[in-house]
Amino acid sequence: MSEEVKQVSDGDFDQEVVNSDIPAIVDFWAPWCGPCRALGPMVADLAVEYAGRVKVAKLNIDENPRTAEKYGVRSIPTLMLFKDGKLLDTLIGLVPKDKLEAFAKKGL
């Protein structure tokens, strides 16, 4: 996995994502989820492409159920875009790269 993708947890989610000084995209995922694994490389590419402009993070919902529950994650993969401390948009399911890029650009 790319070093640009930050692993976040229930314990540091607010600090790393909600209070981030740049927009943040969080990939809510689990290792057993096939579509999540398929989306992973595209999320990593996004992190490289938008480095310094958008923070990209992953949260394993099995290990961090409180945050997933707090934001109403019902299916995975779910991507959430945060900006200025607020949830700006949500993208659910395996999507093509162009849709992922359009999602990231909403935060800029």
N, C-alpha and C. Protein backbone atom coordinates (compact mmCIF):
# COMPACT_ATOMS: atom_id res chain seq x y z
N MET A 1 0.83 -1.19 0.00
CA MET A 1 0.00 0.00 0.00
C MET A 1 0.88 1.25 0.00
N SER A 2 0.38 2.26 -0.63
CA SER A 2 1.11 3.52 -0.76
C SER A 2 1.30 4.19 0.59
N GLU A 3 2.47 4.79 0.76
CA GLU A 3 2.72 5.50 2.02
C GLU A 3 1.88 6.77 2.13
N GLU A 4 1.30 7.21 1.01
CA GLU A 4 0.45 8.40 1.04
C GLU A 4 -0.92 8.12 1.66
N VAL A 5 -1.30 6.85 1.74
CA VAL A 5 -2.58 6.48 2.33
C VAL A 5 -2.37 6.27 3.83
N LYS A 6 -3.10 7.03 4.62
CA LYS A 6 -2.96 7.00 6.08
C LYS A 6 -3.96 6.00 6.65
N GLN A 7 -3.49 5.10 7.50
CA GLN A 7 -4.39 4.19 8.21
C GLN A 7 -4.94 4.94 9.42
N VAL A 8 -6.26 5.03 9.53
CA VAL A 8 -6.86 5.72 10.68
C VAL A 8 -7.69 4.74 11.49
N SER A 9 -7.98 5.13 12.73
CA SER A 9 -8.72 4.27 13.65
C SER A 9 -9.78 5.08 14.38
N ASP A 10 -10.59 4.39 15.18
CA ASP A 10 -11.57 5.10 16.01
C ASP A 10 -10.87 6.15 16.86
N GLY A 11 -9.68 5.82 17.36
CA GLY A 11 -8.96 6.71 18.27
C GLY A 11 -8.42 7.98 17.66
N ASP A 12 -8.01 7.94 16.38
CA ASP A 12 -7.41 9.14 15.79
C ASP A 12 -8.21 9.72 14.62
N PHE A 13 -9.43 9.22 14.40
CA PHE A 13 -10.23 9.65 13.25
C PHE A 13 -10.48 11.16 13.25
N ASP A 14 -10.96 11.69 14.38
CA ASP A 14 -11.25 13.14 14.42
C ASP A 14 -9.99 13.96 14.16
N GLN A 15 -8.90 13.58 14.79
CA GLN A 15 -7.65 14.33 14.63
C GLN A 15 -7.14 14.27 13.19
N GLU A 16 -7.15 13.09 12.59
CA GLU A 16 -6.58 12.91 11.25
C GLU A 16 -7.51 13.33 10.12
N VAL A 17 -8.82 13.17 10.31
CA VAL A 17 -9.76 13.40 9.22
C VAL A 17 -10.61 14.65 9.44
N VAL A 18 -11.41 14.64 10.50
CA VAL A 18 -12.34 15.73 10.73
C VAL A 18 -11.60 17.06 10.92
N ASN A 19 -10.50 17.03 11.66
CA ASN A 19 -9.75 18.26 11.94
C ASN A 19 -8.61 18.50 10.96
N SER A 20 -8.57 17.78 9.86
CA SER A 20 -7.51 17.94 8.86
C SER A 20 -7.59 19.35 8.26
N ASP A 21 -6.42 19.93 7.99
CA ASP A 21 -6.39 21.27 7.41
C ASP A 21 -6.58 21.24 5.89
N ILE A 22 -6.63 20.05 5.30
CA ILE A 22 -6.96 19.90 3.88
C ILE A 22 -8.11 18.89 3.78
N PRO A 23 -8.84 18.89 2.66
CA PRO A 23 -9.92 17.92 2.51
C PRO A 23 -9.40 16.49 2.71
N ALA A 24 -10.25 15.62 3.22
CA ALA A 24 -9.85 14.24 3.49
C ALA A 24 -10.88 13.27 2.94
N ILE A 25 -10.37 12.22 2.29
CA ILE A 25 -11.23 11.14 1.80
C ILE A 25 -10.91 9.91 2.65
N VAL A 26 -11.95 9.26 3.15
CA VAL A 26 -11.77 8.05 3.95
C VAL A 26 -12.41 6.89 3.21
N ASP A 27 -11.64 5.82 3.06
CA ASP A 27 -12.11 4.58 2.47
C ASP A 27 -12.46 3.64 3.62
N PHE A 28 -13.76 3.44 3.85
CA PHE A 28 -14.23 2.48 4.85
C PHE A 28 -14.23 1.11 4.18
N TRP A 29 -13.46 0.16 4.71
CA TRP A 29 -13.24 -1.11 4.05
C TRP A 29 -13.05 -2.24 5.05
N ALA A 30 -12.92 -3.47 4.54
CA ALA A 30 -12.56 -4.63 5.35
C ALA A 30 -11.76 -5.59 4.46
N PRO A 31 -10.83 -6.34 5.05
CA PRO A 31 -9.98 -7.22 4.26
C PRO A 31 -10.73 -8.33 3.51
N TRP A 32 -11.87 -8.75 4.02
CA TRP A 32 -12.65 -9.83 3.40
C TRP A 32 -13.52 -9.36 2.24
N CYS A 33 -13.56 -8.06 2.01
CA CYS A 33 -14.45 -7.46 1.00
C CYS A 33 -13.74 -7.38 -0.36
N GLY A 34 -14.20 -8.18 -1.32
CA GLY A 34 -13.62 -8.20 -2.66
C GLY A 34 -13.64 -6.85 -3.35
N PRO A 35 -14.80 -6.17 -3.41
CA PRO A 35 -14.83 -4.85 -4.05
C PRO A 35 -13.90 -3.84 -3.35
N CYS A 36 -13.74 -3.98 -2.04
CA CYS A 36 -12.83 -3.10 -1.31
C CYS A 36 -11.40 -3.31 -1.78
N ARG A 37 -11.02 -4.57 -1.95
CA ARG A 37 -9.66 -4.89 -2.42
C ARG A 37 -9.46 -4.40 -3.84
N ALA A 38 -10.49 -4.46 -4.67
CA ALA A 38 -10.40 -3.98 -6.04
C ALA A 38 -10.25 -2.45 -6.09
N LEU A 39 -10.92 -1.77 -5.16
CA LEU A 39 -10.86 -0.30 -5.12
C LEU A 39 -9.55 0.20 -4.52
N GLY A 40 -8.91 -0.61 -3.68
CA GLY A 40 -7.70 -0.20 -2.97
C GLY A 40 -6.61 0.42 -3.82
N PRO A 41 -6.22 -0.22 -4.94
CA PRO A 41 -5.16 0.39 -5.77
C PRO A 41 -5.56 1.74 -6.37
N MET A 42 -6.85 1.92 -6.69
CA MET A 42 -7.30 3.21 -7.22
C MET A 42 -7.25 4.28 -6.13
N VAL A 43 -7.58 3.90 -4.90
CA VAL A 43 -7.50 4.83 -3.78
C VAL A 43 -6.04 5.23 -3.54
N ALA A 44 -5.14 4.26 -3.63
CA ALA A 44 -3.71 4.55 -3.47
C ALA A 44 -3.22 5.49 -4.57
N ASP A 45 -3.65 5.27 -5.81
CA ASP A 45 -3.28 6.16 -6.92
C ASP A 45 -3.80 7.57 -6.68
N LEU A 46 -5.01 7.67 -6.15
CA LEU A 46 -5.61 8.96 -5.84
C LEU A 46 -4.77 9.70 -4.80
N ALA A 47 -4.29 8.96 -3.81
CA ALA A 47 -3.47 9.56 -2.76
C ALA A 47 -2.19 10.16 -3.34
N VAL A 48 -1.59 9.46 -4.29
CA VAL A 48 -0.37 9.96 -4.92
C VAL A 48 -0.68 11.19 -5.78
N GLU A 49 -1.74 11.09 -6.57
CA GLU A 49 -2.11 12.16 -7.50
C GLU A 49 -2.49 13.46 -6.77
N TYR A 50 -3.14 13.33 -5.63
CA TYR A 50 -3.62 14.52 -4.90
C TYR A 50 -2.81 14.80 -3.64
N ALA A 51 -1.61 14.22 -3.55
CA ALA A 51 -0.75 14.42 -2.37
C ALA A 51 -0.57 15.90 -2.07
N GLY A 52 -0.76 16.27 -0.81
CA GLY A 52 -0.62 17.65 -0.39
C GLY A 52 -1.87 18.49 -0.58
N ARG A 53 -2.83 17.98 -1.37
CA ARG A 53 -4.07 18.73 -1.60
C ARG A 53 -5.28 18.04 -0.97
N VAL A 54 -5.23 16.70 -0.93
CA VAL A 54 -6.30 15.91 -0.32
C VAL A 54 -5.64 14.79 0.48
N LYS A 55 -6.03 14.65 1.73
CA LYS A 55 -5.54 13.54 2.56
C LYS A 55 -6.40 12.32 2.23
N VAL A 56 -5.76 11.19 2.03
CA VAL A 56 -6.48 9.96 1.74
C VAL A 56 -6.19 8.97 2.87
N ALA A 57 -7.26 8.43 3.45
CA ALA A 57 -7.13 7.54 4.59
C ALA A 57 -8.00 6.30 4.39
N LYS A 58 -7.63 5.23 5.10
CA LYS A 58 -8.41 4.00 5.10
C LYS A 58 -8.77 3.65 6.54
N LEU A 59 -10.01 3.18 6.73
CA LEU A 59 -10.44 2.75 8.04
C LEU A 59 -11.04 1.36 7.93
N ASN A 60 -10.42 0.40 8.61
CA ASN A 60 -10.90 -0.98 8.62
C ASN A 60 -12.10 -1.04 9.57
N ILE A 61 -13.29 -1.31 9.01
CA ILE A 61 -14.51 -1.26 9.83
C ILE A 61 -14.59 -2.39 10.85
N ASP A 62 -13.91 -3.51 10.58
CA ASP A 62 -13.91 -4.61 11.56
C ASP A 62 -13.14 -4.24 12.81
N GLU A 63 -12.05 -3.52 12.64
CA GLU A 63 -11.21 -3.12 13.77
C GLU A 63 -11.66 -1.81 14.40
N ASN A 64 -12.48 -1.03 13.69
CA ASN A 64 -12.90 0.29 14.16
C ASN A 64 -14.40 0.50 13.93
N PRO A 65 -15.23 -0.28 14.62
CA PRO A 65 -16.67 -0.21 14.36
C PRO A 65 -17.34 1.08 14.83
N ARG A 66 -16.78 1.77 15.83
CA ARG A 66 -17.44 2.98 16.35
C ARG A 66 -17.55 4.07 15.29
N THR A 67 -16.47 4.31 14.56
CA THR A 67 -16.49 5.37 13.55
C THR A 67 -17.43 5.00 12.41
N ALA A 68 -17.37 3.75 11.96
CA ALA A 68 -18.27 3.31 10.89
C ALA A 68 -19.72 3.47 11.30
N GLU A 69 -20.02 3.12 12.54
CA GLU A 69 -21.39 3.26 13.05
C GLU A 69 -21.79 4.73 13.16
N LYS A 70 -20.88 5.56 13.65
CA LYS A 70 -21.15 6.99 13.81
C LYS A 70 -21.56 7.64 12.49
N TYR A 71 -20.92 7.22 11.40
CA TYR A 71 -21.20 7.82 10.10
C TYR A 71 -22.18 7.00 9.27
N GLY A 72 -22.80 5.99 9.87
CA GLY A 72 -23.86 5.24 9.21
C GLY A 72 -23.40 4.39 8.04
N VAL A 73 -22.18 3.87 8.10
CA VAL A 73 -21.69 3.01 7.03
C VAL A 73 -22.45 1.68 7.09
N ARG A 74 -23.21 1.39 6.02
CA ARG A 74 -24.03 0.18 5.98
C ARG A 74 -23.48 -0.84 4.99
N SER A 75 -22.73 -0.38 4.00
CA SER A 75 -22.13 -1.30 3.03
C SER A 75 -20.75 -0.78 2.68
N ILE A 76 -19.89 -1.69 2.25
CA ILE A 76 -18.53 -1.30 1.90
C ILE A 76 -18.21 -1.82 0.51
N PRO A 77 -17.32 -1.16 -0.22
CA PRO A 77 -16.59 0.04 0.21
C PRO A 77 -17.48 1.28 0.22
N THR A 78 -17.23 2.13 1.18
CA THR A 78 -17.84 3.45 1.25
C THR A 78 -16.73 4.47 1.37
N LEU A 79 -16.77 5.48 0.52
CA LEU A 79 -15.81 6.58 0.59
C LEU A 79 -16.55 7.82 1.09
N MET A 80 -15.95 8.52 2.02
CA MET A 80 -16.53 9.76 2.53
C MET A 80 -15.52 10.88 2.37
N LEU A 81 -16.02 12.03 1.94
CA LEU A 81 -15.20 13.22 1.73
C LEU A 81 -15.52 14.24 2.82
N PHE A 82 -14.49 14.62 3.56
CA PHE A 82 -14.63 15.60 4.63
C PHE A 82 -13.88 16.87 4.25
N LYS A 83 -14.48 18.01 4.58
CA LYS A 83 -13.82 19.30 4.34
C LYS A 83 -14.27 20.27 5.42
N ASP A 84 -13.32 20.99 5.97
CA ASP A 84 -13.61 21.98 7.01
C ASP A 84 -14.41 21.38 8.17
N GLY A 85 -14.09 20.15 8.54
CA GLY A 85 -14.71 19.52 9.69
C GLY A 85 -16.08 18.92 9.44
N LYS A 86 -16.55 18.95 8.18
CA LYS A 86 -17.89 18.45 7.88
C LYS A 86 -17.84 17.37 6.79
N LEU A 87 -18.79 16.44 6.85
CA LEU A 87 -18.95 15.44 5.81
C LEU A 87 -19.56 16.13 4.60
N LEU A 88 -18.81 16.13 3.48
CA LEU A 88 -19.24 16.84 2.28
C LEU A 88 -20.00 15.93 1.32
N ASP A 89 -19.53 14.67 1.17
CA ASP A 89 -20.16 13.77 0.20
C ASP A 89 -19.79 12.32 0.53
N THR A 90 -20.58 11.40 -0.01
CA THR A 90 -20.37 9.96 0.19
C THR A 90 -20.49 9.24 -1.14
N LEU A 91 -19.63 8.26 -1.33
CA LEU A 91 -19.64 7.44 -2.54
C LEU A 91 -19.63 5.98 -2.08
N ILE A 92 -20.61 5.19 -2.54
CA ILE A 92 -20.74 3.81 -2.08
C ILE A 92 -20.52 2.84 -3.24
N GLY A 93 -19.72 1.81 -2.98
CA GLY A 93 -19.51 0.74 -3.95
C GLY A 93 -18.24 0.91 -4.76
N LEU A 94 -17.98 -0.09 -5.59
CA LEU A 94 -16.82 -0.08 -6.48
C LEU A 94 -17.16 0.81 -7.67
N VAL A 95 -16.39 1.86 -7.85
CA VAL A 95 -16.65 2.83 -8.92
C VAL A 95 -15.44 2.93 -9.84
N PRO A 96 -15.65 3.38 -11.09
CA PRO A 96 -14.51 3.56 -11.99
C PRO A 96 -13.64 4.73 -11.54
N LYS A 97 -12.40 4.74 -12.01
CA LYS A 97 -11.41 5.73 -11.59
C LYS A 97 -11.87 7.17 -11.87
N ASP A 98 -12.53 7.41 -13.01
CA ASP A 98 -12.95 8.77 -13.33
C ASP A 98 -13.98 9.30 -12.32
N LYS A 99 -14.84 8.41 -11.83
CA LYS A 99 -15.83 8.82 -10.82
C LYS A 99 -15.13 9.10 -9.49
N LEU A 100 -14.09 8.33 -9.19
CA LEU A 100 -13.30 8.54 -7.98
C LEU A 100 -12.58 9.89 -8.04
N GLU A 101 -12.04 10.23 -9.20
CA GLU A 101 -11.34 11.50 -9.36
C GLU A 101 -12.31 12.68 -9.25
N ALA A 102 -13.49 12.54 -9.83
CA ALA A 102 -14.50 13.60 -9.73
C ALA A 102 -14.92 13.81 -8.27
N PHE A 103 -15.01 12.71 -7.53
CA PHE A 103 -15.33 12.76 -6.10
C PHE A 103 -14.27 13.54 -5.35
N ALA A 104 -12.99 13.26 -5.63
CA ALA A 104 -11.89 13.96 -4.95
C ALA A 104 -11.89 15.45 -5.28
N LYS A 105 -12.20 15.78 -6.51
CA LYS A 105 -12.17 17.19 -6.95
C LYS A 105 -13.24 18.03 -6.27
N LYS A 106 -14.30 17.39 -5.77
CA LYS A 106 -15.36 18.13 -5.06
C LYS A 106 -14.79 18.82 -3.81
N GLY A 107 -13.73 18.25 -3.26
CA GLY A 107 -13.15 18.82 -2.04
C GLY A 107 -12.19 19.97 -2.28
N LEU A 108 -11.77 20.16 -3.54
CA LEU A 108 -10.78 21.20 -3.84
C LEU A 108 -11.42 22.57 -4.01
